[in-house]
C-alpha atoms as a PDB file:
ATOM      1  CA  MET A   1     -59.957  15.182 -30.040  1.00  0.00           C
ATOM      2  CA  ASN A   2     -56.894  17.455 -29.952  1.00  0.00           C
ATOM      3  CA  LYS A   3     -53.368  16.222 -30.611  1.00  0.00           C
ATOM      4  CA  LYS A   4     -52.328  16.491 -26.974  1.00  0.00           C
ATOM      5  CA  SER A   5     -55.162  14.119 -26.022  1.00  0.00           C
ATOM      6  CA  LEU A   6     -54.284  11.746 -28.841  1.00  0.00           C
ATOM      7  CA  VAL A   7     -50.654  11.565 -27.717  1.00  0.00           C
ATOM      8  CA  LEU A   8     -51.693  11.123 -24.077  1.00  0.00           C
ATOM      9  CA  ASN A   9     -54.075   8.284 -24.939  1.00  0.00           C
ATOM     10  CA  HIS A  10     -51.317   6.625 -26.969  1.00  0.00           C
ATOM     11  CA  LEU A  11     -48.932   6.846 -24.014  1.00  0.00           C
ATOM     12  CA  LYS A  12     -51.599   5.683 -21.534  1.00  0.00           C
ATOM     13  CA  SER A  13     -52.046   2.527 -23.607  1.00  0.00           C
ATOM     14  CA  GLY A  14     -48.487   1.585 -22.625  1.00  0.00           C
ATOM     15  CA  LYS A  15     -46.898   2.443 -25.959  1.00  0.00           C
ATOM     16  CA  THR A  16     -43.869   4.608 -26.605  1.00  0.00           C
ATOM     17  CA  ILE A  17     -43.771   7.455 -29.102  1.00  0.00           C
ATOM     18  CA  THR A  18     -41.153   9.150 -31.261  1.00  0.00           C
ATOM     19  CA  SER A  19     -41.336  12.227 -33.466  1.00  0.00           C
ATOM     20  CA  ILE A  20     -41.660  10.072 -36.584  1.00  0.00           C
ATOM     21  CA  LEU A  21     -44.507   8.045 -35.079  1.00  0.00           C
ATOM     22  CA  ALA A  22     -46.237  11.241 -33.891  1.00  0.00           C
ATOM     23  CA  TRP A  23     -46.119  12.600 -37.429  1.00  0.00           C
ATOM     24  CA  ASN A  24     -47.263   9.370 -39.067  1.00  0.00           C
ATOM     25  CA  LYS A  25     -50.063   8.689 -36.600  1.00  0.00           C
ATOM     26  CA  PHE A  26     -51.230  12.161 -35.503  1.00  0.00           C
ATOM     27  CA  GLN A  27     -49.784  14.533 -38.137  1.00  0.00           C
ATOM     28  CA  THR A  28     -48.002  16.628 -35.521  1.00  0.00           C
ATOM     29  CA  LEU A  29     -44.494  18.044 -35.634  1.00  0.00           C
ATOM     30  CA  LYS A  30     -44.737  19.381 -32.081  1.00  0.00           C
ATOM     31  CA  LEU A  31     -44.226  16.235 -29.995  1.00  0.00           C
ATOM     32  CA  GLN A  32     -41.606  17.930 -27.806  1.00  0.00           C
ATOM     33  CA  ASP A  33     -44.053  20.718 -26.992  1.00  0.00           C
ATOM     34  CA  ILE A  34     -46.863  18.246 -26.272  1.00  0.00           C
ATOM     35  CA  VAL A  35     -44.620  16.225 -23.928  1.00  0.00           C
ATOM     36  CA  PHE A  36     -43.551  19.455 -22.188  1.00  0.00           C
ATOM     37  CA  LYS A  37     -47.192  20.427 -21.613  1.00  0.00           C
ATOM     38  CA  LEU A  38     -48.124  16.949 -20.384  1.00  0.00           C
ATOM     39  CA  ARG A  39     -45.236  17.029 -17.915  1.00  0.00           C
ATOM     40  CA  ASN A  40     -46.427  20.434 -16.683  1.00  0.00           C
ATOM     41  CA  ASN A  41     -49.849  18.847 -16.166  1.00  0.00           C
ATOM     42  CA  GLY A  42     -48.268  16.281 -13.819  1.00  0.00           C
ATOM     43  CA  TYR A  43     -47.642  13.340 -16.142  1.00  0.00           C
ATOM     44  CA  ASN A  44     -44.376  11.505 -15.526  1.00  0.00           C
ATOM     45  CA  ILE A  45     -42.998  10.999 -19.016  1.00  0.00           C
ATOM     46  CA  ALA A  46     -39.545   9.489 -19.398  1.00  0.00           C
ATOM     47  CA  THR A  47     -37.237  10.255 -22.301  1.00  0.00           C
ATOM     48  CA  GLU A  48     -34.814   7.685 -23.652  1.00  0.00           C
ATOM     49  CA  MET A  49     -32.320   8.847 -26.245  1.00  0.00           C
ATOM     50  CA  LYS A  50     -31.522   6.279 -28.933  1.00  0.00           C
ATOM     51  CA  LYS A  51     -29.116   6.288 -31.847  1.00  0.00           C
ATOM     52  CA  ASN A  52     -29.966   5.089 -35.324  1.00  0.00           C
ATOM     53  CA  LYS A  53     -27.061   2.814 -36.248  1.00  0.00           C
ATOM     54  CA  THR A  54     -27.502   3.401 -39.970  1.00  0.00           C
ATOM     55  CA  THR A  55     -27.619   7.208 -39.987  1.00  0.00           C
ATOM     56  CA  ASN A  56     -25.959   7.938 -36.606  1.00  0.00           C
ATOM     57  CA  THR A  57     -28.801  10.322 -35.741  1.00  0.00           C
ATOM     58  CA  VAL A  58     -30.051  10.534 -32.175  1.00  0.00           C
ATOM     59  CA  TYR A  59     -33.757  10.634 -31.409  1.00  0.00           C
ATOM     60  CA  ALA A  60     -36.003  10.672 -28.345  1.00  0.00           C
ATOM     61  CA  VAL A  61     -38.382   7.901 -27.325  1.00  0.00           C
ATOM     62  CA  TYR A  62     -41.052   8.971 -24.836  1.00  0.00           C
ATOM     63  CA  LYS A  63     -42.836   6.662 -22.410  1.00  0.00           C
ATOM     64  CA  LEU A  64     -45.417   7.374 -19.733  1.00  0.00           C
ATOM     65  CA  ASN A  65     -44.412   6.134 -16.300  1.00  0.00           C
ATOM     66  CA  LEU A  66     -47.531   5.220 -14.399  1.00  0.00           C
ATOM     67  CA  LYS A  67     -45.951   6.118 -11.056  1.00  0.00           C
ATOM     68  CA  LEU A  68     -46.877   9.555  -9.781  1.00  0.00           C
ATOM     69  CA  LYS A  69     -44.181  12.205  -9.436  1.00  0.00           C
END
């Protein structure tokens, strides 16, 4: 199974995903690219930006919205 399919299945299970989780679970550094391609394939993926209070870094959390575009 390719990484795009693995990420999609993860999102379809109702879970969210971040870059760190994508690396730890699927060994991919290209989550942004995968999300871009999934969106181009018609998947409605929301992005929520969060801030780590300890390091003040901002990161994206992706979630699949089951509603169609």
